[in-house]
């Protein structure tokens, strides 16, 4: 489709790295540590390392593929070009459906922190506002994400210090639920928090010097976030213990409160300031993740529309700002419908399953590359694909069954559309 207008390459390596970091920290810090601790117990840091290792395998595959195919669409595009239309469709459908749920989860998380009691209106307003930012161009997306990261990361570091300064007595050992299976399930849940670097690949058509900047941005964002997650996991376990952490819906806030109790009781000005800072950071981090998620889903939707796997109208690009306005707008509409009709706080497992399937396809596609990058040997692709499938099927049964059904609906729908196209071609 050479006559399709391209997107504008206006994002440098630093901005691309910032978009990746901003995509991860919102989800990882404020959503998954609680359920991951419930599954892994005191072995939570081991689950973080395992999720990070699988993420590195996937990052290496994504970086290698993005240097060969520096266009929007991520693994959807790579799957089509390296493996064929059907693997590409499975990757794209898994990504879009999983990440639409993630968008809704991040928007609702923002509402919970920023406007308790008015969560849904606040979440809808966030989706509308951030979609408008994306429509103004990717450089504005990167600029806003950089501002969010600059504000959130210092607060997270402060929260970790406060949590480590809490009770000095060691917390009791809590074994993982179901033994090693619990650690695997926790790693699968935590993978949701590592998926932000995919945004760099899906926006590959807008990155300058993609062969150099995309790999650097992916590995830089992943390395920074892995270190941050390990520090926070250790701090939360130190402050709360695995049992209370597993029961917490706002672990960072609860860790700061626990440290305040140990340091002289709740209600003090220092504890109140810390809780306020964590609350603001949660809201900002959720906005940062949502901003990059909307951009990433929109780019994959654009790529699928270009190839005819989604309605062609979604491939429209606003020439003034060089953005896929139809895909971004459609993404916002679907997310708003989810916010108005669904309890989206339970969709982390759904998103993890879809994204793990997406990266399984990425690893298989990278395995077929003839030119190998030093950071992506074939054995790493094999380990990455096997690891993704293993973690995907250790997730809660409800998540596995729901996303399998959604995947089946997408495959069946595409089969019907292709059959009708073939019939019309035969008649013509």
Protein backbone atom coordinates (compact mmCIF):
# COMPACT_ATOMS: atom_id res chain seq x y z
CA UNK A 1 0.00 0.00 0.00
CA UNK A 2 2.64 2.51 -1.10
CA UNK A 3 0.10 5.29 -1.62
CA UNK A 4 -0.84 5.35 2.07
CA UNK A 5 0.59 8.47 3.75
CA UNK A 6 3.25 7.83 6.37
CA UNK A 7 3.60 9.17 9.88
CA UNK A 8 6.09 11.87 10.78
CA UNK A 9 9.50 10.82 12.20
CA UNK A 10 9.70 13.44 14.93
CA UNK A 11 10.68 11.46 18.05
CA UNK A 12 14.29 11.04 19.16
CA UNK A 13 15.85 8.33 21.32
CA UNK A 14 15.33 10.11 24.64
CA UNK A 15 11.66 10.78 23.96
CA UNK A 16 11.15 7.17 22.84
CA UNK A 17 12.77 5.90 26.06
CA UNK A 18 10.59 8.21 28.12
CA UNK A 19 7.43 6.96 26.40
CA UNK A 20 8.45 3.39 27.28
CA UNK A 21 9.11 4.23 30.93
CA UNK A 22 5.89 6.22 31.20
CA UNK A 23 3.96 3.27 29.76
CA UNK A 24 5.27 0.89 32.42
CA UNK A 25 5.42 2.70 35.74
CA UNK A 26 1.73 3.54 35.91
CA UNK A 27 0.60 -0.05 35.57
CA UNK A 28 3.37 -1.73 37.52
CA UNK A 29 3.43 0.35 40.66
CA UNK A 30 -0.25 1.01 41.27
CA UNK A 31 -2.00 -2.08 39.93
CA UNK A 32 -0.17 -5.40 40.06
CA UNK A 33 2.00 -5.60 43.17
CA UNK A 34 -0.94 -6.58 45.38
CA UNK A 35 -2.24 -9.56 43.37
CA UNK A 36 1.33 -10.58 42.48
CA UNK A 37 2.27 -10.70 46.18
CA UNK A 38 -0.86 -12.75 46.91
CA UNK A 39 0.40 -15.35 44.44
CA UNK A 40 4.17 -15.25 45.05
CA UNK A 41 4.27 -14.49 48.78
CA UNK A 42 7.72 -13.53 50.00
CA UNK A 43 9.20 -14.63 46.67
CA UNK A 44 7.76 -11.52 44.99
CA UNK A 45 11.23 -10.24 43.96
CA UNK A 46 11.88 -13.59 42.22
CA UNK A 47 8.66 -13.14 40.26
CA UNK A 48 9.78 -9.61 39.29
CA UNK A 49 13.10 -10.98 38.01
CA UNK A 50 11.38 -13.77 36.06
CA UNK A 51 8.92 -11.35 34.46
CA UNK A 52 11.81 -9.01 33.68
CA UNK A 53 13.80 -11.81 32.02
CA UNK A 54 10.90 -12.81 29.77
CA UNK A 55 10.41 -9.12 29.03
CA UNK A 56 14.08 -8.89 28.00
CA UNK A 57 13.63 -11.82 25.60
CA UNK A 58 10.63 -10.07 24.10
CA UNK A 59 12.39 -6.71 24.04
CA UNK A 60 15.31 -8.22 22.13
CA UNK A 61 12.91 -9.75 19.60
CA UNK A 62 10.96 -6.49 19.27
CA UNK A 63 14.11 -4.40 18.84
CA UNK A 64 15.53 -6.72 16.18
CA UNK A 65 12.25 -6.76 14.26
CA UNK A 66 11.75 -3.00 14.58
CA UNK A 67 15.14 -2.28 13.01
CA UNK A 68 14.12 -4.39 9.98
CA UNK A 69 10.52 -3.12 9.84
CA UNK A 70 10.55 0.45 11.29
CA UNK A 71 6.84 1.07 10.70
CA UNK A 72 3.79 1.44 12.93
CA UNK A 73 2.05 -1.75 14.02
CA UNK A 74 4.60 -3.60 16.16
CA UNK A 75 4.26 -7.39 16.22
CA UNK A 76 1.11 -7.27 14.08
CA UNK A 77 3.25 -5.96 11.23
CA UNK A 78 6.21 -8.22 12.06
CA UNK A 79 3.99 -11.31 12.20
CA UNK A 80 2.47 -10.53 8.81
CA UNK A 81 5.79 -9.88 7.11
CA UNK A 82 7.78 -12.71 8.69
CA UNK A 83 5.13 -15.41 9.25
CA UNK A 84 2.04 -14.56 7.22
CA UNK A 85 -1.34 -12.82 7.59
CA UNK A 86 -2.86 -15.17 10.17
CA UNK A 87 -0.06 -15.02 12.80
CA UNK A 88 0.00 -11.26 12.30
CA UNK A 89 -3.72 -11.03 12.87
CA UNK A 90 -3.52 -13.14 16.05
CA UNK A 91 -0.82 -10.81 17.39
CA UNK A 92 -2.69 -7.64 16.45
CA UNK A 93 -6.05 -8.83 17.78
CA UNK A 94 -4.46 -9.99 21.05
CA UNK A 95 -2.72 -6.66 21.47
CA UNK A 96 -5.67 -4.43 20.64
CA UNK A 97 -8.20 -6.29 22.80
CA UNK A 98 -5.83 -6.69 25.74
CA UNK A 99 -4.65 -3.10 25.65
CA UNK A 100 -8.14 -1.65 25.31
CA UNK A 101 -8.85 -3.28 28.67
CA UNK A 102 -5.58 -1.84 29.98
CA UNK A 103 -6.59 1.65 28.86
CA UNK A 104 -9.83 1.33 30.78
CA UNK A 105 -8.01 0.03 33.86
CA UNK A 106 -5.56 2.94 33.84
CA UNK A 107 -8.34 5.48 33.34
CA UNK A 108 -10.35 4.02 36.19
CA UNK A 109 -7.26 3.92 38.43
CA UNK A 110 -6.81 7.63 37.79
CA UNK A 111 -10.42 8.23 38.76
CA UNK A 112 -10.06 6.26 41.99
CA UNK A 113 -7.11 8.35 43.13
CA UNK A 114 -8.03 11.74 41.71
CA UNK A 115 -11.81 11.83 42.34
CA UNK A 116 -13.04 9.23 44.85
CA UNK A 117 -16.79 8.86 44.48
CA UNK A 118 -16.70 10.27 40.95
CA UNK A 119 -14.35 7.71 39.43
CA UNK A 120 -16.17 7.11 36.17
CA UNK A 121 -16.67 10.77 35.11
CA UNK A 122 -13.04 11.51 35.96
CA UNK A 123 -11.89 8.47 33.99
CA UNK A 124 -13.95 9.46 30.94
CA UNK A 125 -12.58 13.02 31.12
CA UNK A 126 -9.03 11.64 31.26
CA UNK A 127 -9.60 9.52 28.14
CA UNK A 128 -11.05 12.49 26.23
CA UNK A 129 -8.27 14.86 27.31
CA UNK A 130 -5.39 12.49 26.58
CA UNK A 131 -6.83 11.50 23.22
CA UNK A 132 -6.80 15.20 22.35
CA UNK A 133 -3.12 15.38 23.35
CA UNK A 134 -2.32 12.42 21.09
CA UNK A 135 -4.18 14.04 18.20
CA UNK A 136 -1.91 17.09 18.47
CA UNK A 137 1.08 14.96 17.48
CA UNK A 138 3.50 12.42 18.91
CA UNK A 139 6.00 15.07 20.02
CA UNK A 140 3.36 16.46 22.39
CA UNK A 141 2.65 12.91 23.59
CA UNK A 142 6.34 12.44 24.36
CA UNK A 143 6.61 15.87 26.03
CA UNK A 144 3.70 15.20 28.36
CA UNK A 145 4.98 11.69 29.15
CA UNK A 146 8.41 13.15 29.99
CA UNK A 147 6.77 15.58 32.43
CA UNK A 148 4.81 12.74 34.07
CA UNK A 149 7.92 10.58 34.45
CA UNK A 150 9.90 13.51 35.90
CA UNK A 151 7.24 14.02 38.58
CA UNK A 152 6.40 10.38 39.38
CA UNK A 153 9.82 8.72 39.63
CA UNK A 154 11.07 10.95 42.50
CA UNK A 155 7.86 10.24 44.44
CA UNK A 156 8.31 6.51 43.94
CA UNK A 157 11.89 6.77 45.18
CA UNK A 158 10.67 8.75 48.19
CA UNK A 159 7.98 6.15 48.92
CA UNK A 160 10.58 3.37 48.77
CA UNK A 161 12.81 5.21 51.25
CA UNK A 162 9.87 5.80 53.61
CA UNK A 163 8.83 2.15 53.32
CA UNK A 164 12.35 0.91 54.13
CA UNK A 165 12.36 3.24 57.14
CA UNK A 166 9.30 1.48 58.58
CA UNK A 167 9.24 -1.41 61.07
CA UNK A 168 12.73 -2.73 61.71
CA UNK A 169 11.63 -6.25 62.64
CA UNK A 170 11.82 -8.69 59.71
CA UNK A 171 8.47 -9.59 58.20
CA UNK A 172 7.32 -13.23 58.50
CA UNK A 173 8.03 -15.57 55.62
CA UNK A 174 4.99 -16.22 53.43
CA UNK A 175 5.26 -19.12 50.95
CA UNK A 176 3.89 -18.67 47.43
CA UNK A 177 0.34 -19.85 46.83
CA UNK A 178 0.56 -23.26 45.17
CA UNK A 179 4.34 -23.44 45.44
CA UNK A 180 6.39 -22.63 42.30
CA UNK A 181 3.14 -22.26 40.34
CA UNK A 182 2.37 -19.18 42.42
CA UNK A 183 5.65 -17.55 41.41
CA UNK A 184 4.89 -18.24 37.76
CA UNK A 185 1.40 -16.80 38.10
CA UNK A 186 2.79 -13.70 39.81
CA UNK A 187 5.33 -13.30 37.00
CA UNK A 188 2.50 -13.53 34.49
CA UNK A 189 0.58 -10.80 36.30
CA UNK A 190 3.69 -8.64 36.67
CA UNK A 191 4.35 -8.96 32.95
CA UNK A 192 1.44 -6.58 32.50
CA UNK A 193 3.69 -3.97 34.09
CA UNK A 194 6.64 -4.61 31.76
CA UNK A 195 4.74 -4.34 28.49
CA UNK A 196 5.20 -0.58 28.06
CA UNK A 197 8.35 -0.88 25.95
CA UNK A 198 6.11 -2.26 23.19
CA UNK A 199 4.86 1.28 22.69
CA UNK A 200 8.29 2.18 21.30
CA UNK A 201 8.07 -0.53 18.64
CA UNK A 202 4.44 0.18 17.74
CA UNK A 203 5.40 3.83 17.19
CA UNK A 204 8.48 2.86 15.14
CA UNK A 205 7.31 4.86 12.11
CA UNK A 206 7.66 8.07 14.15
CA UNK A 207 11.18 7.48 15.59
CA UNK A 208 14.20 9.12 13.98
CA UNK A 209 17.11 6.79 13.10
CA UNK A 210 15.08 3.72 14.11
CA UNK A 211 17.95 1.25 13.68
CA UNK A 212 19.86 3.00 16.45
CA UNK A 213 17.21 4.66 18.60
CA UNK A 214 14.61 1.89 18.90
CA UNK A 215 16.92 -0.75 20.49
CA UNK A 216 18.48 1.83 22.82
CA UNK A 217 15.08 3.12 23.88
CA UNK A 218 13.64 -0.35 24.47
CA UNK A 219 16.54 -1.63 26.56
CA UNK A 220 16.95 1.65 28.41
CA UNK A 221 13.28 1.80 29.41
CA UNK A 222 13.22 -1.89 30.41
CA UNK A 223 16.43 -1.72 32.47
CA UNK A 224 15.36 1.39 34.35
CA UNK A 225 11.94 -0.03 35.14
CA UNK A 226 13.27 -3.43 36.26
CA UNK A 227 15.55 -1.79 38.82
CA UNK A 228 12.70 0.41 40.03
CA UNK A 229 10.34 -2.58 40.41
CA UNK A 230 12.90 -4.60 42.37
CA UNK A 231 13.49 -1.72 44.78
CA UNK A 232 9.76 -1.18 45.26
CA UNK A 233 9.05 -4.91 45.71
CA UNK A 234 11.68 -5.11 48.46
CA UNK A 235 10.41 -1.91 50.09
CA UNK A 236 6.77 -3.04 50.09
CA UNK A 237 7.67 -6.44 51.55
CA UNK A 238 9.75 -4.71 54.22
CA UNK A 239 6.98 -2.33 55.21
CA UNK A 240 3.91 -4.56 54.95
CA UNK A 241 4.92 -8.19 54.65
CA UNK A 242 3.68 -10.47 51.88
CA UNK A 243 0.29 -11.23 53.48
CA UNK A 244 -0.93 -7.64 53.99
CA UNK A 245 0.65 -6.61 50.68
CA UNK A 246 -1.37 -9.29 48.90
CA UNK A 247 -4.56 -7.94 50.47
CA UNK A 248 -3.82 -4.28 49.65
CA UNK A 249 -5.52 -2.41 46.83
CA UNK A 250 -3.19 0.59 47.26
CA UNK A 251 0.13 -0.90 48.43
CA UNK A 252 2.30 2.20 48.19
CA UNK A 253 -0.16 4.27 50.19
CA UNK A 254 -0.48 1.51 52.79
CA UNK A 255 3.30 1.15 53.03
CA UNK A 256 3.71 4.86 53.68
CA UNK A 257 0.97 4.73 56.32
CA UNK A 258 2.65 1.73 57.96
CA UNK A 259 5.93 3.62 58.10
CA UNK A 260 4.12 6.58 59.65
CA UNK A 261 2.65 4.33 62.32
CA UNK A 262 6.10 2.99 63.17
CA UNK A 263 7.56 6.46 63.28
CA UNK A 264 5.10 7.98 65.72
CA UNK A 265 1.55 7.22 64.71
CA UNK A 266 -0.75 8.21 61.89
CA UNK A 267 -2.04 11.65 61.22
CA UNK A 268 1.30 13.46 61.43
CA UNK A 269 2.09 16.13 58.89
CA UNK A 270 4.96 14.10 57.40
CA UNK A 271 2.79 11.02 56.95
CA UNK A 272 -0.03 13.12 55.52
CA UNK A 273 2.33 14.78 53.05
CA UNK A 274 3.74 11.42 52.00
CA UNK A 275 0.29 9.95 51.44
CA UNK A 276 -0.72 13.01 49.41
CA UNK A 277 2.43 12.73 47.30
CA UNK A 278 1.81 9.03 46.63
CA UNK A 279 -1.83 9.73 45.72
CA UNK A 280 -0.81 12.44 43.26
CA UNK A 281 1.91 10.20 41.83
CA UNK A 282 -0.63 7.41 41.33
CA UNK A 283 -2.91 9.73 39.42
CA UNK A 284 -0.06 11.10 37.28
CA UNK A 285 1.42 7.66 36.60
CA UNK A 286 -1.96 6.37 35.51
CA UNK A 287 -2.29 9.34 33.16
CA UNK A 288 1.18 8.70 31.74
CA UNK A 289 0.42 5.03 31.11
CA UNK A 290 -2.97 5.86 29.60
CA UNK A 291 -1.45 8.48 27.30
CA UNK A 292 1.05 6.02 25.84
CA UNK A 293 -1.47 3.17 25.74
CA UNK A 294 -3.91 5.19 23.63
CA UNK A 295 -1.08 6.02 21.23
CA UNK A 296 0.08 2.39 21.01
CA UNK A 297 -3.37 0.90 20.46
CA UNK A 298 -4.11 3.55 17.85
CA UNK A 299 -0.95 2.71 15.88
CA UNK A 300 -1.67 -1.03 15.86
CA UNK A 301 -5.27 -0.31 14.83
CA UNK A 302 -3.89 1.87 12.02
CA UNK A 303 -1.63 -0.95 10.81
CA UNK A 304 -4.47 -3.51 10.90
CA UNK A 305 -6.74 -1.14 8.96
CA UNK A 306 -4.03 -0.61 6.34
CA UNK A 307 -3.87 -4.36 5.78
CA UNK A 308 -7.65 -4.83 5.66
CA UNK A 309 -7.95 -6.70 8.98
CA UNK A 310 -9.98 -3.82 10.41
CA UNK A 311 -12.23 -1.32 8.58
CA UNK A 312 -10.24 0.79 6.14
CA UNK A 313 -11.66 4.03 7.54
CA UNK A 314 -9.47 3.53 10.62
CA UNK A 315 -6.35 4.11 8.50
CA UNK A 316 -7.11 7.83 8.06
CA UNK A 317 -4.23 10.16 9.03
CA UNK A 318 -4.56 13.82 9.96
CA UNK A 319 -2.01 15.38 7.62
CA UNK A 320 -1.58 18.56 9.65
CA UNK A 321 -0.15 16.72 12.68
CA UNK A 322 0.73 13.41 11.06
CA UNK A 323 -1.36 11.28 13.47
CA UNK A 324 -3.86 8.42 12.95
CA UNK A 325 -6.89 10.41 14.11
CA UNK A 326 -9.50 7.80 13.20
CA UNK A 327 -7.74 4.98 15.05
CA UNK A 328 -7.07 7.13 18.13
CA UNK A 329 -10.66 8.35 18.21
CA UNK A 330 -12.06 4.83 17.84
CA UNK A 331 -9.79 3.67 20.67
CA UNK A 332 -11.16 6.40 22.93
CA UNK A 333 -14.76 5.52 22.08
CA UNK A 334 -14.30 1.83 22.93
CA UNK A 335 -12.50 2.65 26.19
CA UNK A 336 -15.27 5.03 27.24
CA UNK A 337 -17.87 2.32 26.55
CA UNK A 338 -15.88 -0.07 28.77
CA UNK A 339 -15.72 2.54 31.52
CA UNK A 340 -19.46 3.09 31.41
CA UNK A 341 -20.44 -0.59 31.31
CA UNK A 342 -17.74 -2.67 33.01
CA UNK A 343 -15.82 -3.06 36.27
CA UNK A 344 -12.37 -2.73 34.77
CA UNK A 345 -10.28 -3.29 37.88
CA UNK A 346 -10.35 -7.04 37.21
CA UNK A 347 -8.86 -6.94 33.71
CA UNK A 348 -5.14 -7.12 34.54
CA UNK A 349 -5.11 -10.87 33.93
CA UNK A 350 -7.03 -10.43 30.67
CA UNK A 351 -4.50 -7.91 29.41
CA UNK A 352 -1.52 -10.04 30.49
CA UNK A 353 -2.82 -13.06 28.58
CA UNK A 354 -3.36 -11.07 25.39
CA UNK A 355 0.03 -9.35 25.57
CA UNK A 356 1.88 -12.62 26.30
CA UNK A 357 0.35 -14.18 23.17
CA UNK A 358 1.36 -11.07 21.25
CA UNK A 359 4.98 -11.49 22.33
CA UNK A 360 4.98 -15.22 21.65
CA UNK A 361 4.30 -14.30 18.02
CA UNK A 362 7.06 -11.66 18.19
CA UNK A 363 9.62 -14.23 19.31
CA UNK A 364 8.62 -16.68 16.58
CA UNK A 365 8.82 -13.89 13.99
CA UNK A 366 12.26 -12.81 15.23
CA UNK A 367 13.45 -16.43 14.99
CA UNK A 368 12.93 -16.26 11.20
CA UNK A 369 15.18 -13.22 10.69
CA UNK A 370 18.23 -14.01 8.60
CA UNK A 371 20.31 -11.11 9.88
CA UNK A 372 20.91 -11.55 13.61
CA UNK A 373 21.54 -8.73 16.07
CA UNK A 374 24.05 -9.43 18.83
CA UNK A 375 21.40 -8.89 21.50
CA UNK A 376 18.86 -11.29 19.95
CA UNK A 377 20.32 -14.77 19.30
CA UNK A 378 17.88 -17.44 18.13
CA UNK A 379 18.00 -19.32 21.44
CA UNK A 380 16.66 -16.21 23.15
CA UNK A 381 13.69 -16.22 20.77
CA UNK A 382 12.96 -19.86 21.66
CA UNK A 383 13.15 -19.16 25.39
CA UNK A 384 11.01 -16.04 24.98
CA UNK A 385 8.23 -17.81 23.04
CA UNK A 386 8.13 -20.75 25.49
CA UNK A 387 8.22 -18.41 28.48
CA UNK A 388 5.35 -16.29 27.16
CA UNK A 389 3.12 -19.32 26.63
CA UNK A 390 4.03 -20.76 30.04
CA UNK A 391 3.22 -17.53 31.88
CA UNK A 392 0.04 -17.00 29.84
CA UNK A 393 -1.44 -20.34 30.87
CA UNK A 394 -0.49 -19.96 34.54
CA UNK A 395 -2.75 -16.90 34.83
CA UNK A 396 -6.11 -17.19 36.63
CA UNK A 397 -8.50 -19.53 34.81
CA UNK A 398 -11.08 -16.77 34.26
CA UNK A 399 -8.52 -14.63 32.46
CA UNK A 400 -7.36 -17.51 30.26
CA UNK A 401 -10.90 -18.58 29.29
CA UNK A 402 -12.15 -15.04 28.66
CA UNK A 403 -9.26 -14.01 26.43
CA UNK A 404 -9.30 -17.35 24.60
CA UNK A 405 -12.97 -16.73 23.78
CA UNK A 406 -12.22 -13.17 22.58
CA UNK A 407 -9.37 -14.49 20.43
CA UNK A 408 -11.68 -17.13 18.94
CA UNK A 409 -14.29 -14.48 18.10
CA UNK A 410 -11.67 -12.41 16.29
CA UNK A 411 -10.34 -15.38 14.32
CA UNK A 412 -13.86 -16.49 13.36
CA UNK A 413 -14.79 -12.95 12.31
CA UNK A 414 -11.72 -12.62 10.10
CA UNK A 415 -12.43 -16.02 8.52
CA UNK A 416 -15.98 -14.91 7.63
CA UNK A 417 -14.75 -11.63 6.15
CA UNK A 418 -12.09 -13.40 4.05
CA UNK A 419 -14.64 -15.92 2.78
CA UNK A 420 -16.97 -13.13 1.67
CA UNK A 421 -14.11 -11.30 -0.06
CA UNK A 422 -13.10 -14.45 -1.90
CA UNK A 423 -16.68 -15.05 -3.04
CA UNK A 424 -16.97 -11.48 -4.35
CA UNK A 425 -13.63 -11.87 -6.16
CA UNK A 426 -14.77 -15.13 -7.72
CA UNK A 427 -18.01 -13.53 -8.92
CA UNK A 428 -16.15 -10.55 -10.31
